[in-house]
Amino acid sequence: MTGPLAGCRVLDLGIITAGAATSAMLADLGADVIKVESPGYHDPFRRWSGPGGADDSPFFRFTNRNKQGIGIDIKRPEGRAVFMRLVARSDVVVENFRRGVLAKLGIDYPQLRAVRPSIILASLSSHGEFGPDADRVSFGTTLEAMSGLAAETGYAGGTPTVSGRDLNYPDQVVAIFAAGMVVTAWHPAQGRQGVHLDLSQRELTSFLLGERFVQGASGQPRGNTDPLYALQDCYASRDKAWIAVTVEQRQLPLLAGLVADSAVGRVHERLARWMATRTAEEAVEALAALGIAAATARDGNEAAQGRGISWWEAVGTLPDGSLAKGFPFQFEDEPMQLTRPAPSIGQDTAQVLQDLGGYTPQEISALRKDGVIECADA
């Protein structure tokens, strides 16, 4: 692997989005990422089935490409010993378990640092390591509610709105921040000192809402409207598409002239009637000709059609031709690449334990027979 993290080895204990997506970004940046799953508890993303059934989860494939995969039962002393041997030759551990789980497993930061003083432990949790909510069970819905985000979305007079599991906004946010923190901590200029990175999904989501807090936001959703603009909303076209339109105050006379009709009503109502008599393409072109911001609201299939035309990196292609999640940014000299698909369960266990852990084939066979590790061919 090439990239700014070439030479960095990451043990990925992450599950679902937050931890696994963080490690995926580290892999994209050149790190050697080894996904660690337990024989008795695989990443739940594997069960979030896609079009191909239970074994075809785009959620798992997209957040675990560019990784190796191994199976170790860390709950058992023998499995913990295997894991710690790998820690001794690694640089980063990423996890997003509930608080207290690492300590119960005997692999919390003090114990990791005892075998690898320079280890970086990135802990991604709902509410952080400390505070009254640290042990609270949370999902994306409750995190968006507690962060203040849900109260800022939805329509006026409606209820708070959450993004749902297919987006899970707090998880996406923390993955980007966490990857950046790991890069900063691992950079040679920092002297490669060990550090425990504590990242709270709720706090980072609130951080991105900071301006609203400073403004004394009341938590009353207002839908698509914005007091900064004379008009902002979505309108249905004749061909059943939705068009997002934002009109500045100075543009109102232009819009009024465009949508003038014999009916009496506000410009908002007149625009709705005008839009309903035109196709989306006709409406967008007419508004754009006046310098008014307008765009068709695309669904996933429509957005995907712009790949290679209006956008390039959000989705990438694996060596087998299948698609996977791409990159939020790109390097010109050494572009990030998708080099390997998400691993099957225990796919690389034997190879990693032999190459990195120094185990003999006989020792690996014994560990597999005892159920301490899980191998793909077992």
Protein backbone atom coordinates (compact mmCIF):
# COMPACT_ATOMS: atom_id res chain seq x y z
CA MET A 1 0.00 0.00 0.00
CA THR A 2 1.07 3.57 -0.65
CA GLY A 3 -0.19 6.77 0.92
CA PRO A 4 0.41 8.84 4.05
CA LEU A 5 -0.27 5.87 6.35
CA ALA A 6 1.93 3.36 4.53
CA GLY A 7 3.72 1.34 7.19
CA CYS A 8 0.96 1.81 9.77
CA ARG A 9 -0.74 -1.35 11.02
CA VAL A 10 -4.30 -1.14 12.37
CA LEU A 11 -6.24 -3.74 14.32
CA ASP A 12 -9.89 -3.04 13.60
CA LEU A 13 -12.36 -4.11 16.28
CA GLY A 14 -14.97 -1.80 14.77
CA ILE A 15 -18.51 -2.89 13.98
CA ILE A 16 -21.45 -1.34 12.10
CA THR A 17 -20.50 2.05 10.66
CA ALA A 18 -18.53 4.10 13.18
CA GLY A 19 -15.53 1.86 13.86
CA ALA A 20 -15.48 -0.04 10.59
CA ALA A 21 -15.80 3.10 8.44
CA THR A 22 -12.97 4.76 10.38
CA SER A 23 -10.66 1.84 9.66
CA ALA A 24 -11.76 1.76 6.03
CA MET A 25 -10.58 5.34 5.62
CA LEU A 26 -7.28 4.43 7.30
CA ALA A 27 -6.90 1.56 4.84
CA ASP A 28 -7.59 3.93 1.95
CA LEU A 29 -4.80 6.16 3.26
CA GLY A 30 -2.34 3.27 3.03
CA ALA A 31 -2.58 1.55 6.42
CA ASP A 32 -2.49 -2.24 6.72
CA VAL A 33 -5.87 -2.85 8.35
CA ILE A 34 -6.75 -6.19 9.93
CA LYS A 35 -10.43 -6.60 10.81
CA VAL A 36 -10.84 -8.67 13.97
CA GLU A 37 -14.12 -10.48 14.57
CA SER A 38 -15.09 -12.99 17.23
CA PRO A 39 -16.14 -16.51 16.18
CA GLY A 40 -19.26 -16.02 18.30
CA TYR A 41 -20.00 -12.42 17.28
CA HIS A 42 -19.46 -11.27 13.74
CA ASP A 43 -19.92 -7.68 12.61
CA PRO A 44 -23.74 -7.19 12.55
CA PHE A 45 -23.34 -5.40 9.22
CA ARG A 46 -22.87 -8.84 7.65
CA ARG A 47 -26.56 -9.51 8.39
CA TRP A 48 -27.85 -6.25 6.87
CA SER A 49 -28.77 -7.98 3.65
CA GLY A 50 -28.74 -6.40 0.23
CA PRO A 51 -30.09 -7.41 -3.19
CA GLY A 52 -28.16 -10.66 -3.14
CA GLY A 53 -29.58 -11.88 0.17
CA ALA A 54 -28.07 -12.39 3.61
CA ASP A 55 -24.56 -12.94 2.26
CA ASP A 56 -24.62 -9.79 0.16
CA SER A 57 -24.60 -6.81 2.50
CA PRO A 58 -23.58 -3.56 0.80
CA PHE A 59 -23.26 -2.03 4.25
CA PHE A 60 -20.55 -4.54 5.16
CA ARG A 61 -18.88 -4.53 1.77
CA PHE A 62 -18.67 -0.74 1.62
CA THR A 63 -17.18 -0.26 5.10
CA ASN A 64 -14.72 -3.15 5.06
CA ARG A 65 -13.05 -3.12 1.65
CA ASN A 66 -9.24 -2.85 1.56
CA LYS A 67 -8.97 -4.91 4.79
CA GLN A 68 -7.78 -8.34 5.82
CA GLY A 69 -10.10 -10.35 8.06
CA ILE A 70 -9.34 -12.63 11.01
CA GLY A 71 -11.36 -14.37 13.72
CA ILE A 72 -10.21 -14.44 17.38
CA ASP A 73 -12.26 -15.20 20.48
CA ILE A 74 -10.85 -12.45 22.71
CA LYS A 75 -13.22 -13.42 25.54
CA ARG A 76 -11.05 -16.47 26.14
CA PRO A 77 -7.62 -16.06 27.77
CA GLU A 78 -6.01 -17.92 24.88
CA GLY A 79 -7.66 -15.59 22.38
CA ARG A 80 -6.65 -12.53 24.37
CA ALA A 81 -3.04 -13.76 24.29
CA VAL A 82 -3.24 -14.10 20.50
CA PHE A 83 -4.68 -10.62 20.14
CA MET A 84 -2.08 -9.04 22.41
CA ARG A 85 0.71 -10.65 20.41
CA LEU A 86 -0.67 -8.88 17.35
CA VAL A 87 -0.98 -5.62 19.33
CA ALA A 88 2.73 -5.83 20.12
CA ARG A 89 3.44 -5.44 16.40
CA SER A 90 0.71 -2.94 15.55
CA ASP A 91 0.32 0.83 15.70
CA VAL A 92 -3.40 1.47 16.10
CA VAL A 93 -6.45 -0.24 17.59
CA VAL A 94 -9.91 1.04 16.60
CA GLU A 95 -13.04 0.12 18.57
CA ASN A 96 -16.61 1.29 19.05
CA PHE A 97 -17.90 -1.10 21.71
CA ARG A 98 -19.97 0.03 24.68
CA ARG A 99 -17.92 1.65 27.42
CA GLY A 100 -16.42 -0.90 29.78
CA VAL A 101 -16.26 -3.74 27.26
CA LEU A 102 -12.51 -3.40 26.63
CA ALA A 103 -11.78 -3.51 30.36
CA LYS A 104 -13.90 -6.65 30.76
CA LEU A 105 -12.00 -8.25 27.89
CA GLY A 106 -8.66 -7.29 29.44
CA ILE A 107 -7.60 -5.16 26.47
CA ASP A 108 -8.24 -1.60 27.61
CA TYR A 109 -5.72 1.16 26.98
CA PRO A 110 -3.41 0.54 30.00
CA GLN A 111 -3.12 -3.14 29.07
CA LEU A 112 -2.59 -2.40 25.39
CA ARG A 113 0.11 0.11 26.24
CA ALA A 114 1.82 -2.39 28.51
CA VAL A 115 2.67 -4.52 25.47
CA ARG A 116 3.01 -1.64 22.98
CA PRO A 117 3.92 1.73 24.59
CA SER A 118 3.37 3.61 21.32
CA ILE A 119 -0.09 2.15 20.65
CA ILE A 120 -2.88 4.50 19.55
CA LEU A 121 -6.31 3.43 20.77
CA ALA A 122 -9.19 5.17 18.98
CA SER A 123 -12.39 4.72 20.98
CA LEU A 124 -15.55 5.81 19.20
CA SER A 125 -18.57 5.83 21.46
CA SER A 126 -22.01 7.37 21.70
CA HIS A 127 -21.23 9.77 24.53
CA GLY A 128 -17.50 9.50 25.21
CA GLU A 129 -15.52 7.78 27.93
CA PHE A 130 -16.75 9.93 30.81
CA GLY A 131 -19.84 11.76 32.03
CA PRO A 132 -23.34 10.77 33.16
CA ASP A 133 -24.32 9.31 29.77
CA ALA A 134 -21.15 7.29 29.13
CA ASP A 135 -22.87 3.95 29.80
CA ARG A 136 -26.14 4.85 28.09
CA VAL A 137 -27.31 2.53 25.29
CA SER A 138 -27.75 4.62 22.15
CA PHE A 139 -28.51 4.34 18.45
CA GLY A 140 -28.38 6.92 15.68
CA THR A 141 -31.93 8.00 16.50
CA THR A 142 -31.22 8.78 20.15
CA LEU A 143 -27.88 10.38 19.35
CA GLU A 144 -29.51 12.75 16.86
CA ALA A 145 -32.16 13.55 19.45
CA MET A 146 -29.69 14.22 22.28
CA SER A 147 -27.27 16.20 20.10
CA GLY A 148 -29.95 18.70 19.07
CA LEU A 149 -29.95 17.63 15.42
CA ALA A 150 -33.39 15.97 15.31
CA ALA A 151 -35.08 19.11 16.68
CA GLU A 152 -33.62 21.16 13.82
CA THR A 153 -34.93 18.95 11.01
CA GLY A 154 -38.43 18.26 9.74
CA TYR A 155 -41.23 20.64 8.84
CA ALA A 156 -42.72 23.48 10.85
CA GLY A 157 -45.31 22.15 13.25
CA GLY A 158 -44.04 18.61 12.77
CA THR A 159 -42.08 16.25 14.97
CA PRO A 160 -38.28 15.94 15.25
CA THR A 161 -36.85 13.93 12.33
CA VAL A 162 -33.98 11.45 12.37
CA SER A 163 -31.87 10.33 9.43
CA GLY A 164 -32.51 6.58 9.92
CA ARG A 165 -30.17 3.61 9.88
CA ASP A 166 -29.36 3.76 6.16
CA LEU A 167 -27.60 7.10 6.76
CA ASN A 168 -26.96 7.11 10.51
CA TYR A 169 -25.49 10.60 10.42
CA PRO A 170 -23.62 10.56 13.79
CA ASP A 171 -21.71 7.42 12.74
CA GLN A 172 -20.67 8.97 9.43
CA VAL A 173 -19.52 12.13 11.19
CA VAL A 174 -17.40 10.41 13.84
CA ALA A 175 -15.67 8.17 11.27
CA ILE A 176 -14.29 11.16 9.37
CA PHE A 177 -13.14 12.94 12.52
CA ALA A 178 -11.66 9.77 14.01
CA ALA A 179 -9.63 8.97 10.90
CA GLY A 180 -8.19 12.48 10.97
CA MET A 181 -7.30 12.15 14.66
CA VAL A 182 -5.51 8.83 14.06
CA VAL A 183 -3.50 10.32 11.19
CA THR A 184 -2.49 13.23 13.43
CA ALA A 185 -1.52 10.96 16.33
CA TRP A 186 0.46 8.54 14.15
CA HIS A 187 2.35 11.21 12.21
CA PRO A 188 6.14 10.87 12.79
CA ALA A 189 6.30 14.50 13.94
CA GLN A 190 4.38 13.49 17.07
CA GLY A 191 7.15 11.12 18.12
CA ARG A 192 4.88 8.07 17.87
CA GLN A 193 3.80 8.35 21.50
CA GLY A 194 0.93 6.24 22.70
CA VAL A 195 -2.42 7.97 23.11
CA HIS A 196 -6.04 7.10 23.82
CA LEU A 197 -8.33 9.03 21.47
CA ASP A 198 -11.80 9.54 22.96
CA LEU A 199 -14.42 10.50 20.36
CA SER A 200 -18.09 11.05 21.16
CA GLN A 201 -20.58 10.75 18.32
CA ARG A 202 -23.10 12.93 20.12
CA GLU A 203 -20.60 15.68 20.86
CA LEU A 204 -19.27 15.79 17.30
CA THR A 205 -22.82 16.00 15.95
CA SER A 206 -23.49 18.87 18.34
CA PHE A 207 -20.25 20.54 17.25
CA LEU A 208 -21.54 20.72 13.70
CA LEU A 209 -24.66 22.45 15.07
CA GLY A 210 -22.69 24.91 17.12
CA GLU A 211 -23.83 27.97 15.22
CA ARG A 212 -27.46 27.13 15.97
CA PHE A 213 -26.72 26.82 19.68
CA VAL A 214 -24.98 30.21 19.72
CA GLN A 215 -28.00 31.71 17.98
CA GLY A 216 -30.21 30.39 20.73
CA ALA A 217 -32.08 28.04 18.41
CA SER A 218 -35.49 27.13 19.78
CA GLY A 219 -35.46 23.65 18.33
CA GLN A 220 -38.47 24.38 16.15
CA PRO A 221 -38.09 22.77 12.71
CA ARG A 222 -38.87 25.01 9.75
CA GLY A 223 -38.69 22.62 6.82
CA ASN A 224 -37.07 23.92 3.65
CA THR A 225 -37.56 27.62 4.41
CA ASP A 226 -34.69 29.86 5.43
CA PRO A 227 -35.09 33.45 6.70
CA LEU A 228 -31.94 34.46 4.80
CA TYR A 229 -33.72 33.98 1.49
CA ALA A 230 -36.88 35.40 0.02
CA LEU A 231 -38.03 31.94 -1.01
CA GLN A 232 -36.66 28.44 -0.58
CA ASP A 233 -38.55 25.18 -1.07
CA CYS A 234 -39.06 22.13 -3.29
CA TYR A 235 -41.70 22.07 -6.05
CA ALA A 236 -43.20 19.25 -8.11
CA SER A 237 -42.71 19.41 -11.88
CA ARG A 238 -45.09 18.12 -14.55
CA ASP A 239 -43.06 14.91 -14.88
CA LYS A 240 -43.33 14.21 -11.12
CA ALA A 241 -39.81 15.32 -10.20
CA TRP A 242 -39.02 17.60 -7.27
CA ILE A 243 -37.10 20.80 -7.91
CA ALA A 244 -35.20 22.59 -5.14
CA VAL A 245 -35.26 26.36 -5.59
CA THR A 246 -33.57 29.15 -3.61
CA VAL A 247 -34.39 32.75 -4.45
CA GLU A 248 -32.57 35.78 -3.07
CA GLN A 249 -34.50 38.94 -2.23
CA ARG A 250 -33.03 40.84 -5.17
CA GLN A 251 -34.20 38.08 -7.54
CA LEU A 252 -37.89 38.30 -6.61
CA PRO A 253 -38.80 40.68 -9.47
CA LEU A 254 -37.14 38.31 -11.96
CA LEU A 255 -39.03 35.34 -10.57
CA ALA A 256 -42.31 37.25 -10.46
CA GLY A 257 -41.91 38.12 -14.13
CA LEU A 258 -41.16 34.50 -15.02
CA VAL A 259 -44.16 32.97 -13.25
CA ALA A 260 -46.69 35.78 -13.87
CA ASP A 261 -50.16 34.44 -14.53
CA SER A 262 -53.74 35.60 -14.24
CA ALA A 263 -54.29 33.83 -10.93
CA VAL A 264 -54.04 35.82 -7.75
CA GLY A 265 -51.58 34.58 -5.14
CA ARG A 266 -48.17 34.89 -3.60
CA VAL A 267 -45.10 34.26 -5.71
CA HIS A 268 -44.61 30.96 -3.85
CA GLU A 269 -48.02 29.72 -5.00
CA ARG A 270 -47.53 31.06 -8.51
CA LEU A 271 -44.17 29.28 -8.77
CA ALA A 272 -45.82 26.02 -7.70
CA ARG A 273 -48.45 26.35 -10.44
CA TRP A 274 -45.82 27.34 -13.03
CA MET A 275 -43.60 24.36 -12.08
CA ALA A 276 -46.50 21.93 -12.38
CA THR A 277 -46.91 22.80 -16.08
CA ARG A 278 -43.26 22.18 -17.04
CA THR A 279 -40.86 19.27 -17.04
CA ALA A 280 -38.03 19.31 -14.55
CA GLU A 281 -35.49 20.01 -17.28
CA GLU A 282 -37.51 22.93 -18.67
CA ALA A 283 -38.03 24.44 -15.23
CA VAL A 284 -34.41 24.19 -14.13
CA GLU A 285 -33.14 25.69 -17.40
CA ALA A 286 -35.57 28.62 -17.22
CA LEU A 287 -34.67 29.42 -13.62
CA ALA A 288 -30.94 28.99 -14.22
CA ALA A 289 -31.14 31.42 -17.14
CA LEU A 290 -32.19 34.08 -14.60
CA GLY A 291 -29.35 33.18 -12.25
CA ILE A 292 -31.72 31.52 -9.78
CA ALA A 293 -30.38 28.41 -8.04
CA ALA A 294 -32.48 25.38 -9.00
CA ALA A 295 -31.77 21.66 -9.20
CA THR A 296 -33.63 18.39 -9.52
CA ALA A 297 -33.78 16.32 -6.33
CA ARG A 298 -32.18 13.04 -7.42
CA ASP A 299 -32.69 9.66 -5.86
CA GLY A 300 -29.82 7.21 -5.48
CA ASN A 301 -30.18 5.69 -8.94
CA GLU A 302 -30.28 9.10 -10.59
CA ALA A 303 -27.27 10.35 -8.61
CA ALA A 304 -25.33 7.22 -9.59
CA GLN A 305 -25.83 8.03 -13.27
CA GLY A 306 -23.60 11.06 -12.79
CA ARG A 307 -20.58 8.94 -11.91
CA GLY A 308 -17.68 9.86 -14.15
CA ILE A 309 -19.58 12.89 -15.48
CA SER A 310 -20.41 15.24 -12.61
CA TRP A 311 -18.64 13.36 -9.80
CA TRP A 312 -15.89 10.76 -9.64
CA GLU A 313 -14.69 9.53 -6.25
CA ALA A 314 -17.73 8.87 -4.00
CA VAL A 315 -18.09 5.33 -5.36
CA GLY A 316 -15.19 3.18 -6.53
CA THR A 317 -14.65 -0.07 -8.40
CA LEU A 318 -13.04 -3.15 -6.90
CA PRO A 319 -10.69 -5.37 -8.92
CA ASP A 320 -13.57 -7.77 -9.67
CA GLY A 321 -15.61 -4.94 -11.17
CA SER A 322 -18.08 -4.61 -8.31
CA LEU A 323 -18.82 -1.23 -6.76
CA ALA A 324 -17.95 -0.11 -3.24
CA LYS A 325 -17.83 3.09 -1.26
CA GLY A 326 -15.16 5.39 -2.61
CA PHE A 327 -13.28 8.33 -1.12
CA PRO A 328 -14.21 11.74 0.32
CA PHE A 329 -11.05 13.24 -1.18
CA GLN A 330 -8.26 12.12 -3.47
CA PHE A 331 -4.52 12.53 -4.01
CA GLU A 332 -3.17 13.46 -7.42
CA ASP A 333 0.31 11.90 -7.24
CA GLU A 334 -0.62 8.66 -5.43
CA PRO A 335 -4.39 8.19 -5.82
CA MET A 336 -6.17 6.06 -3.26
CA GLN A 337 -7.45 2.80 -4.71
CA LEU A 338 -9.80 -0.05 -3.89
CA THR A 339 -7.47 -3.04 -3.97
CA ARG A 340 -9.42 -5.81 -2.25
CA PRO A 341 -13.05 -6.62 -1.40
CA ALA A 342 -14.34 -6.93 2.15
CA PRO A 343 -13.02 -10.14 3.72
CA SER A 344 -15.07 -13.23 4.35
CA ILE A 345 -15.23 -14.49 7.94
CA GLY A 346 -11.78 -15.54 9.11
CA GLN A 347 -10.42 -15.23 5.58
CA ASP A 348 -6.87 -14.24 6.56
CA THR A 349 -6.59 -15.65 10.09
CA ALA A 350 -3.97 -18.29 9.41
CA GLN A 351 -1.81 -16.03 7.24
CA VAL A 352 -1.89 -13.09 9.67
CA LEU A 353 -1.14 -15.24 12.70
CA GLN A 354 1.76 -16.84 10.89
CA ASP A 355 3.25 -13.69 9.36
CA LEU A 356 2.52 -11.18 12.12
CA GLY A 357 2.11 -13.28 15.24
CA GLY A 358 4.90 -15.74 14.50
CA TYR A 359 2.69 -18.77 15.06
CA THR A 360 3.61 -22.07 13.45
CA PRO A 361 1.11 -23.96 11.29
CA GLN A 362 0.85 -26.52 14.07
CA GLU A 363 0.04 -23.87 16.68
CA ILE A 364 -2.54 -22.32 14.39
CA SER A 365 -4.13 -25.70 13.83
CA ALA A 366 -4.34 -26.28 17.58
CA LEU A 367 -5.89 -22.85 18.20
CA ARG A 368 -8.45 -23.51 15.50
CA LYS A 369 -9.27 -26.96 16.88
CA ASP A 370 -9.86 -25.43 20.33
CA GLY A 371 -12.18 -22.77 18.90
CA VAL A 372 -9.88 -19.89 19.88
CA ILE A 373 -9.64 -18.66 16.30
CA GLU A 374 -11.83 -18.87 13.24
CA CYS A 375 -10.43 -19.61 9.81
CA ALA A 376 -12.20 -19.45 6.48
CA ASP A 377 -11.49 -23.07 5.63
CA ALA A 378 -12.54 -24.42 9.02
